């Protein structure tokens, strides 16, 4: 499954909790940047919804945002925004 492929429609029942991961260069505001992109489509992120993890050498940062997804269309729009963004190297 590549970064733009989600499970078939029938495999997810909405609403559902899903973790969205974006990776990019370790810059001071990368986590906030990813969160801003996701918030365009999710109005209420819960406390602790955003987790970050640096790469072994600290050159890259992985940001995981756990959301309550309302629809497949919402997820498609989030992934499209993430993959269209120049700062995001990969979205899963």
PDB file of N, CA and C in Angstrom:
ATOM      1  N   UNK A   1       0.853  -1.171   0.000  1.00  0.00           N
ATOM      2  CA  UNK A   1       0.000   0.000   0.000  1.00  0.00           C
ATOM      3  C   UNK A   1       0.898   1.233   0.000  1.00  0.00           C
ATOM      4  N   UNK A   2       0.738   2.137  -0.985  1.00  0.00           N
ATOM      5  CA  UNK A   2       1.547   3.349  -0.979  1.00  0.00           C
ATOM      6  C   UNK A   2       0.876   4.425  -0.153  1.00  0.00           C
ATOM      7  N   UNK A   3       1.470   5.612  -0.110  1.00  0.00           N
ATOM      8  CA  UNK A   3       1.002   6.654   0.790  1.00  0.00           C
ATOM      9  C   UNK A   3      -0.385   7.181   0.447  1.00  0.00           C
ATOM     10  N   UNK A   4      -0.868   6.963  -0.781  1.00  0.00           N
ATOM     11  CA  UNK A   4      -2.184   7.484  -1.155  1.00  0.00           C
ATOM     12  C   UNK A   4      -3.278   6.431  -1.096  1.00  0.00           C
ATOM     13  N   UNK A   5      -2.943   5.183  -0.858  1.00  0.00           N
ATOM     14  CA  UNK A   5      -3.947   4.133  -0.842  1.00  0.00           C
ATOM     15  C   UNK A   5      -4.423   3.854   0.572  1.00  0.00           C
ATOM     16  N   UNK A   6      -5.702   3.998   0.761  1.00  0.00           N
ATOM     17  CA  UNK A   6      -6.334   3.645   2.030  1.00  0.00           C
ATOM     18  C   UNK A   6      -7.022   2.296   1.840  1.00  0.00           C
ATOM     19  N   UNK A   7      -7.343   1.616   2.931  1.00  0.00           N
ATOM     20  CA  UNK A   7      -8.081   0.366   2.792  1.00  0.00           C
ATOM     21  C   UNK A   7      -9.389   0.593   2.036  1.00  0.00           C
ATOM     22  N   UNK A   8      -9.900  -0.442   1.412  1.00  0.00           N
ATOM     23  CA  UNK A   8     -11.161  -0.340   0.697  1.00  0.00           C
ATOM     24  C   UNK A   8     -12.247   0.208   1.613  1.00  0.00           C
ATOM     25  N   UNK A   9     -13.204   0.883   1.017  1.00  0.00           N
ATOM     26  CA  UNK A   9     -14.289   1.541   1.753  1.00  0.00           C
ATOM     27  C   UNK A   9     -14.933   0.624   2.792  1.00  0.00           C
ATOM     28  N   UNK A  10     -15.178  -0.625   2.439  1.00  0.00           N
ATOM     29  CA  UNK A  10     -15.858  -1.537   3.334  1.00  0.00           C
ATOM     30  C   UNK A  10     -15.054  -1.943   4.561  1.00  0.00           C
ATOM     31  N   UNK A  11     -13.744  -1.748   4.541  1.00  0.00           N
ATOM     32  CA  UNK A  11     -12.912  -2.152   5.663  1.00  0.00           C
ATOM     33  C   UNK A  11     -12.932  -1.145   6.816  1.00  0.00           C
ATOM     34  N   UNK A  12     -13.320   0.077   6.535  1.00  0.00           N
ATOM     35  CA  UNK A  12     -13.405   1.099   7.575  1.00  0.00           C
ATOM     36  C   UNK A  12     -14.862   1.430   7.840  1.00  0.00           C
ATOM     37  N   UNK A  13     -15.208   1.527   9.108  1.00  0.00           N
ATOM     38  CA  UNK A  13     -16.548   1.973   9.484  1.00  0.00           C
ATOM     39  C   UNK A  13     -16.399   3.325  10.131  1.00  0.00           C
ATOM     40  N   UNK A  14     -17.091   4.308   9.597  1.00  0.00           N
ATOM     41  CA  UNK A  14     -16.995   5.677  10.095  1.00  0.00           C
ATOM     42  C   UNK A  14     -18.129   5.978  11.046  1.00  0.00           C
ATOM     43  N   UNK A  15     -17.858   6.804  12.039  1.00  0.00           N
ATOM     44  CA  UNK A  15     -16.562   7.393  12.395  1.00  0.00           C
ATOM     45  C   UNK A  15     -15.625   6.346  12.981  1.00  0.00           C
ATOM     46  N   UNK A  16     -14.320   6.589  12.820  1.00  0.00           N
ATOM     47  CA  UNK A  16     -13.322   5.686  13.365  1.00  0.00           C
ATOM     48  C   UNK A  16     -12.056   6.458  13.714  1.00  0.00           C
ATOM     49  N   UNK A  17     -11.322   5.927  14.649  1.00  0.00           N
ATOM     50  CA  UNK A  17     -10.047   6.522  15.038  1.00  0.00           C
ATOM     51  C   UNK A  17      -8.979   6.012  14.086  1.00  0.00           C
ATOM     52  N   UNK A  18      -8.156   6.934  13.559  1.00  0.00           N
ATOM     53  CA  UNK A  18      -7.105   6.541  12.634  1.00  0.00           C
ATOM     54  C   UNK A  18      -5.885   7.425  12.850  1.00  0.00           C
ATOM     55  N   UNK A  19      -4.719   6.820  12.767  1.00  0.00           N
ATOM     56  CA  UNK A  19      -3.458   7.545  12.935  1.00  0.00           C
ATOM     57  C   UNK A  19      -2.896   7.885  11.562  1.00  0.00           C
ATOM     58  N   UNK A  20      -2.589   9.145  11.364  1.00  0.00           N
ATOM     59  CA  UNK A  20      -2.023   9.636  10.114  1.00  0.00           C
ATOM     60  C   UNK A  20      -0.587  10.047  10.410  1.00  0.00           C
ATOM     61  N   UNK A  21       0.336   9.548   9.609  1.00  0.00           N
ATOM     62  CA  UNK A  21       1.754   9.821   9.854  1.00  0.00           C
ATOM     63  C   UNK A  21       2.336  10.597   8.687  1.00  0.00           C
ATOM     64  N   UNK A  22       3.113  11.635   9.005  1.00  0.00           N
ATOM     65  CA  UNK A  22       3.819  12.411   7.990  1.00  0.00           C
ATOM     66  C   UNK A  22       5.275  12.524   8.404  1.00  0.00           C
ATOM     67  N   UNK A  23       6.158  12.407   7.417  1.00  0.00           N
ATOM     68  CA  UNK A  23       7.586  12.491   7.700  1.00  0.00           C
ATOM     69  C   UNK A  23       8.218  13.596   6.859  1.00  0.00           C
ATOM     70  N   UNK A  24       9.189  14.286   7.479  1.00  0.00           N
ATOM     71  CA  UNK A  24       9.894  15.351   6.782  1.00  0.00           C
ATOM     72  C   UNK A  24      11.187  15.675   7.486  1.00  0.00           C
ATOM     73  N   UNK A  25      11.885  16.681   6.978  1.00  0.00           N
ATOM     74  CA  UNK A  25      13.136  17.103   7.601  1.00  0.00           C
ATOM     75  C   UNK A  25      12.845  17.664   8.988  1.00  0.00           C
ATOM     76  N   UNK A  26      13.755  17.413   9.912  1.00  0.00           N
ATOM     77  CA  UNK A  26      13.580  17.860  11.296  1.00  0.00           C
ATOM     78  C   UNK A  26      13.805  19.365  11.367  1.00  0.00           C
ATOM     79  N   UNK A  27      12.728  20.110  11.285  1.00  0.00           N
ATOM     80  CA  UNK A  27      12.747  21.564  11.424  1.00  0.00           C
ATOM     81  C   UNK A  27      11.907  21.911  12.641  1.00  0.00           C
ATOM     82  N   UNK A  28      12.230  23.036  13.242  1.00  0.00           N
ATOM     83  CA  UNK A  28      11.607  23.418  14.515  1.00  0.00           C
ATOM     84  C   UNK A  28      10.084  23.424  14.476  1.00  0.00           C
ATOM     85  N   UNK A  29       9.486  23.792  13.374  1.00  0.00           N
ATOM     86  CA  UNK A  29       8.028  23.914  13.316  1.00  0.00           C
ATOM     87  C   UNK A  29       7.360  22.814  12.493  1.00  0.00           C
ATOM     88  N   UNK A  30       8.065  21.732  12.191  1.00  0.00           N
ATOM     89  CA  UNK A  30       7.487  20.707  11.327  1.00  0.00           C
ATOM     90  C   UNK A  30       6.234  20.084  11.927  1.00  0.00           C
ATOM     91  N   UNK A  31       6.250  19.786  13.226  1.00  0.00           N
ATOM     92  CA  UNK A  31       5.060  19.193  13.844  1.00  0.00           C
ATOM     93  C   UNK A  31       3.860  20.138  13.783  1.00  0.00           C
ATOM     94  N   UNK A  32       4.092  21.423  14.008  1.00  0.00           N
ATOM     95  CA  UNK A  32       3.011  22.406  13.930  1.00  0.00           C
ATOM     96  C   UNK A  32       2.499  22.528  12.494  1.00  0.00           C
ATOM     97  N   UNK A  33       3.405  22.430  11.537  1.00  0.00           N
ATOM     98  CA  UNK A  33       3.028  22.515  10.126  1.00  0.00           C
ATOM     99  C   UNK A  33       2.109  21.348   9.747  1.00  0.00           C
ATOM    100  N   UNK A  34       2.475  20.148  10.134  1.00  0.00           N
ATOM    101  CA  UNK A  34       1.651  18.967   9.851  1.00  0.00           C
ATOM    102  C   UNK A  34       0.292  19.108  10.535  1.00  0.00           C
ATOM    103  N   UNK A  35       0.304  19.536  11.783  1.00  0.00           N
ATOM    104  CA  UNK A  35      -0.947  19.702  12.529  1.00  0.00           C
ATOM    105  C   UNK A  35      -1.861  20.714  11.847  1.00  0.00           C
ATOM    106  N   UNK A  36      -1.300  21.799  11.342  1.00  0.00           N
ATOM    107  CA  UNK A  36      -2.089  22.816  10.639  1.00  0.00           C
ATOM    108  C   UNK A  36      -2.745  22.227   9.394  1.00  0.00           C
ATOM    109  N   UNK A  37      -2.006  21.424   8.650  1.00  0.00           N
ATOM    110  CA  UNK A  37      -2.573  20.791   7.452  1.00  0.00           C
ATOM    111  C   UNK A  37      -3.726  19.859   7.805  1.00  0.00           C
ATOM    112  N   UNK A  38      -3.568  19.086   8.870  1.00  0.00           N
ATOM    113  CA  UNK A  38      -4.626  18.158   9.281  1.00  0.00           C
ATOM    114  C   UNK A  38      -5.834  18.925   9.818  1.00  0.00           C
ATOM    115  N   UNK A  39      -5.590  19.986  10.574  1.00  0.00           N
ATOM    116  CA  UNK A  39      -6.692  20.778  11.150  1.00  0.00           C
ATOM    117  C   UNK A  39      -7.589  21.421  10.099  1.00  0.00           C
ATOM    118  N   UNK A  40      -7.119  21.556   8.879  1.00  0.00           N
ATOM    119  CA  UNK A  40      -7.978  22.079   7.801  1.00  0.00           C
ATOM    120  C   UNK A  40      -9.207  21.194   7.626  1.00  0.00           C
ATOM    121  N   UNK A  41      -9.070  19.942   8.014  1.00  0.00           N
ATOM    122  CA  UNK A  41     -10.132  18.960   7.778  1.00  0.00           C
ATOM    123  C   UNK A  41     -10.706  18.363   9.059  1.00  0.00           C
ATOM    124  N   UNK A  42     -10.050  18.632  10.195  1.00  0.00           N
ATOM    125  CA  UNK A  42     -10.489  18.085  11.479  1.00  0.00           C
ATOM    126  C   UNK A  42     -10.538  19.239  12.476  1.00  0.00           C
ATOM    127  N   UNK A  43     -11.723  19.590  12.903  1.00  0.00           N
ATOM    128  CA  UNK A  43     -11.851  20.766  13.767  1.00  0.00           C
ATOM    129  C   UNK A  43     -11.458  20.504  15.216  1.00  0.00           C
ATOM    130  N   UNK A  44     -11.629  19.285  15.680  1.00  0.00           N
ATOM    131  CA  UNK A  44     -11.371  19.029  17.101  1.00  0.00           C
ATOM    132  C   UNK A  44     -10.373  17.883  17.291  1.00  0.00           C
ATOM    133  N   UNK A  45      -9.119  18.256  17.463  1.00  0.00           N
ATOM    134  CA  UNK A  45      -8.105  17.257  17.796  1.00  0.00           C
ATOM    135  C   UNK A  45      -8.090  17.087  19.302  1.00  0.00           C
ATOM    136  N   UNK A  46      -8.067  15.856  19.751  1.00  0.00           N
ATOM    137  CA  UNK A  46      -8.084  15.611  21.192  1.00  0.00           C
ATOM    138  C   UNK A  46      -6.719  15.877  21.815  1.00  0.00           C
ATOM    139  N   UNK A  47      -6.708  16.025  23.104  1.00  0.00           N
ATOM    140  CA  UNK A  47      -5.469  16.195  23.862  1.00  0.00           C
ATOM    141  C   UNK A  47      -4.576  14.987  23.613  1.00  0.00           C
ATOM    142  N   UNK A  48      -3.335  15.217  23.280  1.00  0.00           N
ATOM    143  CA  UNK A  48      -2.401  14.131  23.034  1.00  0.00           C
ATOM    144  C   UNK A  48      -2.537  13.494  21.660  1.00  0.00           C
ATOM    145  N   UNK A  49      -3.244  14.148  20.731  1.00  0.00           N
ATOM    146  CA  UNK A  49      -3.466  13.592  19.398  1.00  0.00           C
ATOM    147  C   UNK A  49      -2.212  13.619  18.532  1.00  0.00           C
ATOM    148  N   UNK A  50      -1.248  14.494  18.878  1.00  0.00           N
ATOM    149  CA  UNK A  50      -0.057  14.656  18.052  1.00  0.00           C
ATOM    150  C   UNK A  50       1.161  14.109  18.789  1.00  0.00           C
ATOM    151  N   UNK A  51       1.872  13.193  18.107  1.00  0.00           N
ATOM    152  CA  UNK A  51       3.111  12.639  18.665  1.00  0.00           C
ATOM    153  C   UNK A  51       4.218  12.828  17.641  1.00  0.00           C
ATOM    154  N   UNK A  52       5.417  13.099  18.125  1.00  0.00           N
ATOM    155  CA  UNK A  52       6.555  13.246  17.222  1.00  0.00           C
ATOM    156  C   UNK A  52       7.652  12.270  17.615  1.00  0.00           C
ATOM    157  N   UNK A  53       8.439  11.911  16.604  1.00  0.00           N
ATOM    158  CA  UNK A  53       9.555  11.001  16.853  1.00  0.00           C
ATOM    159  C   UNK A  53      10.671  11.337  15.872  1.00  0.00           C
ATOM    160  N   UNK A  54      11.844  11.664  16.388  1.00  0.00           N
ATOM    161  CA  UNK A  54      12.965  11.967  15.492  1.00  0.00           C
ATOM    162  C   UNK A  54      13.580  10.683  14.940  1.00  0.00           C
ATOM    163  N   UNK A  55      14.243  10.812  13.798  1.00  0.00           N
ATOM    164  CA  UNK A  55      14.968   9.675  13.239  1.00  0.00           C
ATOM    165  C   UNK A  55      16.204   9.409  14.093  1.00  0.00           C
ATOM    166  N   UNK A  56      16.839   8.304  13.837  1.00  0.00           N
ATOM    167  CA  UNK A  56      17.996   7.896  14.639  1.00  0.00           C
ATOM    168  C   UNK A  56      19.070   8.977  14.692  1.00  0.00           C
ATOM    169  N   UNK A  57      19.368   9.598  13.566  1.00  0.00           N
ATOM    170  CA  UNK A  57      20.395  10.647  13.526  1.00  0.00           C
ATOM    171  C   UNK A  57      19.821  12.041  13.740  1.00  0.00           C
ATOM    172  N   UNK A  58      18.504  12.146  13.878  1.00  0.00           N
ATOM    173  CA  UNK A  58      17.875  13.431  14.145  1.00  0.00           C
ATOM    174  C   UNK A  58      17.693  14.319  12.934  1.00  0.00           C
ATOM    175  N   UNK A  59      17.895  13.775  11.740  1.00  0.00           N
ATOM    176  CA  UNK A  59      17.742  14.575  10.525  1.00  0.00           C
ATOM    177  C   UNK A  59      16.290  14.691  10.065  1.00  0.00           C
ATOM    178  N   UNK A  60      15.469  13.734  10.464  1.00  0.00           N
ATOM    179  CA  UNK A  60      14.079  13.690  10.030  1.00  0.00           C
ATOM    180  C   UNK A  60      13.165  13.576  11.238  1.00  0.00           C
ATOM    181  N   UNK A  61      11.907  13.937  11.018  1.00  0.00           N
ATOM    182  CA  UNK A  61      10.923  13.885  12.086  1.00  0.00           C
ATOM    183  C   UNK A  61       9.666  13.205  11.564  1.00  0.00           C
ATOM    184  N   UNK A  62       9.130  12.312  12.357  1.00  0.00           N
ATOM    185  CA  UNK A  62       7.870  11.646  12.059  1.00  0.00           C
ATOM    186  C   UNK A  62       6.810  12.248  12.980  1.00  0.00           C
ATOM    187  N   UNK A  63       5.710  12.681  12.400  1.00  0.00           N
ATOM    188  CA  UNK A  63       4.613  13.261  13.169  1.00  0.00           C
ATOM    189  C   UNK A  63       3.383  12.389  12.953  1.00  0.00           C
ATOM    190  N   UNK A  64       2.831  11.885  14.031  1.00  0.00           N
ATOM    191  CA  UNK A  64       1.620  11.071  13.966  1.00  0.00           C
ATOM    192  C   UNK A  64       0.480  11.854  14.593  1.00  0.00           C
ATOM    193  N   UNK A  65      -0.597  12.016  13.826  1.00  0.00           N
ATOM    194  CA  UNK A  65      -1.789  12.718  14.309  1.00  0.00           C
ATOM    195  C   UNK A  65      -2.927  11.709  14.305  1.00  0.00           C
ATOM    196  N   UNK A  66      -3.479  11.443  15.474  1.00  0.00           N
ATOM    197  CA  UNK A  66      -4.604  10.511  15.583  1.00  0.00           C
ATOM    198  C   UNK A  66      -5.892  11.315  15.580  1.00  0.00           C
ATOM    199  N   UNK A  67      -6.762  10.986  14.638  1.00  0.00           N
ATOM    200  CA  UNK A  67      -8.020  11.730  14.485  1.00  0.00           C
ATOM    201  C   UNK A  67      -9.207  10.788  14.572  1.00  0.00           C
ATOM    202  N   UNK A  68     -10.357  11.362  14.744  1.00  0.00           N
ATOM    203  CA  UNK A  68     -11.618  10.644  14.629  1.00  0.00           C
ATOM    204  C   UNK A  68     -12.140  10.962  13.225  1.00  0.00           C
ATOM    205  N   UNK A  69     -11.915  10.046  12.291  1.00  0.00           N
ATOM    206  CA  UNK A  69     -12.285  10.268  10.893  1.00  0.00           C
ATOM    207  C   UNK A  69     -13.790  10.110  10.712  1.00  0.00           C
ATOM    208  N   UNK A  70     -14.372  11.042   9.975  1.00  0.00           N
ATOM    209  CA  UNK A  70     -15.814  11.032   9.738  1.00  0.00           C
ATOM    210  C   UNK A  70     -16.194  10.360   8.424  1.00  0.00           C
ATOM    211  N   UNK A  71     -15.271  10.373   7.436  1.00  0.00           N
ATOM    212  CA  UNK A  71     -15.601   9.802   6.137  1.00  0.00           C
ATOM    213  C   UNK A  71     -14.338   9.496   5.343  1.00  0.00           C
ATOM    214  N   UNK A  72     -14.490   8.687   4.319  1.00  0.00           N
ATOM    215  CA  UNK A  72     -13.390   8.386   3.404  1.00  0.00           C
ATOM    216  C   UNK A  72     -12.967   9.662   2.672  1.00  0.00           C
ATOM    217  N   UNK A  73     -13.936  10.484   2.308  1.00  0.00           N
ATOM    218  CA  UNK A  73     -13.650  11.747   1.613  1.00  0.00           C
ATOM    219  C   UNK A  73     -12.754  12.644   2.476  1.00  0.00           C
ATOM    220  N   UNK A  74     -13.034  12.723   3.769  1.00  0.00           N
ATOM    221  CA  UNK A  74     -12.219  13.518   4.681  1.00  0.00           C
ATOM    222  C   UNK A  74     -10.778  13.004   4.694  1.00  0.00           C
ATOM    223  N   UNK A  75     -10.600  11.691   4.791  1.00  0.00           N
ATOM    224  CA  UNK A  75      -9.258  11.103   4.797  1.00  0.00           C
ATOM    225  C   UNK A  75      -8.538  11.368   3.475  1.00  0.00           C
ATOM    226  N   UNK A  76      -9.240  11.233   2.367  1.00  0.00           N
ATOM    227  CA  UNK A  76      -8.634  11.495   1.061  1.00  0.00           C
ATOM    228  C   UNK A  76      -8.128  12.931   0.976  1.00  0.00           C
ATOM    229  N   UNK A  77      -8.894  13.874   1.481  1.00  0.00           N
ATOM    230  CA  UNK A  77      -8.495  15.291   1.440  1.00  0.00           C
ATOM    231  C   UNK A  77      -7.277  15.549   2.325  1.00  0.00           C
ATOM    232  N   UNK A  78      -7.235  14.917   3.484  1.00  0.00           N
ATOM    233  CA  UNK A  78      -6.086  15.075   4.379  1.00  0.00           C
ATOM    234  C   UNK A  78      -4.830  14.542   3.699  1.00  0.00           C
ATOM    235  N   UNK A  79      -4.904  13.326   3.177  1.00  0.00           N
ATOM    236  CA  UNK A  79      -3.742  12.732   2.518  1.00  0.00           C
ATOM    237  C   UNK A  79      -3.325  13.528   1.286  1.00  0.00           C
ATOM    238  N   UNK A  80      -4.277  14.091   0.565  1.00  0.00           N
ATOM    239  CA  UNK A  80      -3.936  14.899  -0.601  1.00  0.00           C
ATOM    240  C   UNK A  80      -3.168  16.148  -0.180  1.00  0.00           C
ATOM    241  N   UNK A  81      -3.631  16.829   0.867  1.00  0.00           N
ATOM    242  CA  UNK A  81      -2.923  18.009   1.368  1.00  0.00           C
ATOM    243  C   UNK A  81      -1.509  17.656   1.825  1.00  0.00           C
ATOM    244  N   UNK A  82      -1.385  16.542   2.512  1.00  0.00           N
ATOM    245  CA  UNK A  82      -0.069  16.140   3.012  1.00  0.00           C
ATOM    246  C   UNK A  82       0.875  15.795   1.859  1.00  0.00           C
ATOM    247  N   UNK A  83       0.410  15.029   0.902  1.00  0.00           N
ATOM    248  CA  UNK A  83       1.299  14.620  -0.186  1.00  0.00           C
ATOM    249  C   UNK A  83       1.594  15.767  -1.158  1.00  0.00           C
ATOM    250  N   UNK A  84       0.728  16.758  -1.232  1.00  0.00           N
ATOM    251  CA  UNK A  84       0.965  17.919  -2.093  1.00  0.00           C
ATOM    252  C   UNK A  84       1.962  18.897  -1.484  1.00  0.00           C
ATOM    253  N   UNK A  85       2.181  18.822  -0.180  1.00  0.00           N
ATOM    254  CA  UNK A  85       3.034  19.783   0.514  1.00  0.00           C
ATOM    255  C   UNK A  85       4.511  19.465   0.301  1.00  0.00           C
ATOM    256  N   UNK A  86       5.285  20.469  -0.066  1.00  0.00           N
ATOM    257  CA  UNK A  86       6.706  20.283  -0.380  1.00  0.00           C
ATOM    258  C   UNK A  86       7.541  19.851   0.825  1.00  0.00           C
ATOM    259  N   UNK A  87       7.122  20.201   2.033  1.00  0.00           N
ATOM    260  CA  UNK A  87       7.890  19.866   3.236  1.00  0.00           C
ATOM    261  C   UNK A  87       7.673  18.429   3.680  1.00  0.00           C
ATOM    262  N   UNK A  88       6.624  17.797   3.199  1.00  0.00           N
ATOM    263  CA  UNK A  88       6.298  16.437   3.610  1.00  0.00           C
ATOM    264  C   UNK A  88       6.924  15.466   2.612  1.00  0.00           C
ATOM    265  N   UNK A  89       7.802  14.626   3.114  1.00  0.00           N
ATOM    266  CA  UNK A  89       8.481  13.660   2.259  1.00  0.00           C
ATOM    267  C   UNK A  89       7.663  12.399   2.042  1.00  0.00           C
ATOM    268  N   UNK A  90       6.853  12.033   3.049  1.00  0.00           N
ATOM    269  CA  UNK A  90       6.049  10.817   2.963  1.00  0.00           C
ATOM    270  C   UNK A  90       4.858  10.940   3.923  1.00  0.00           C
ATOM    271  N   UNK A  91       3.733  10.409   3.494  1.00  0.00           N
ATOM    272  CA  UNK A  91       2.545  10.367   4.348  1.00  0.00           C
ATOM    273  C   UNK A  91       2.003   8.949   4.328  1.00  0.00           C
ATOM    274  N   UNK A  92       1.700   8.442   5.513  1.00  0.00           N
ATOM    275  CA  UNK A  92       1.168   7.073   5.642  1.00  0.00           C
ATOM    276  C   UNK A  92      -0.133   7.106   6.421  1.00  0.00           C
TER     277      UNK A  92
END
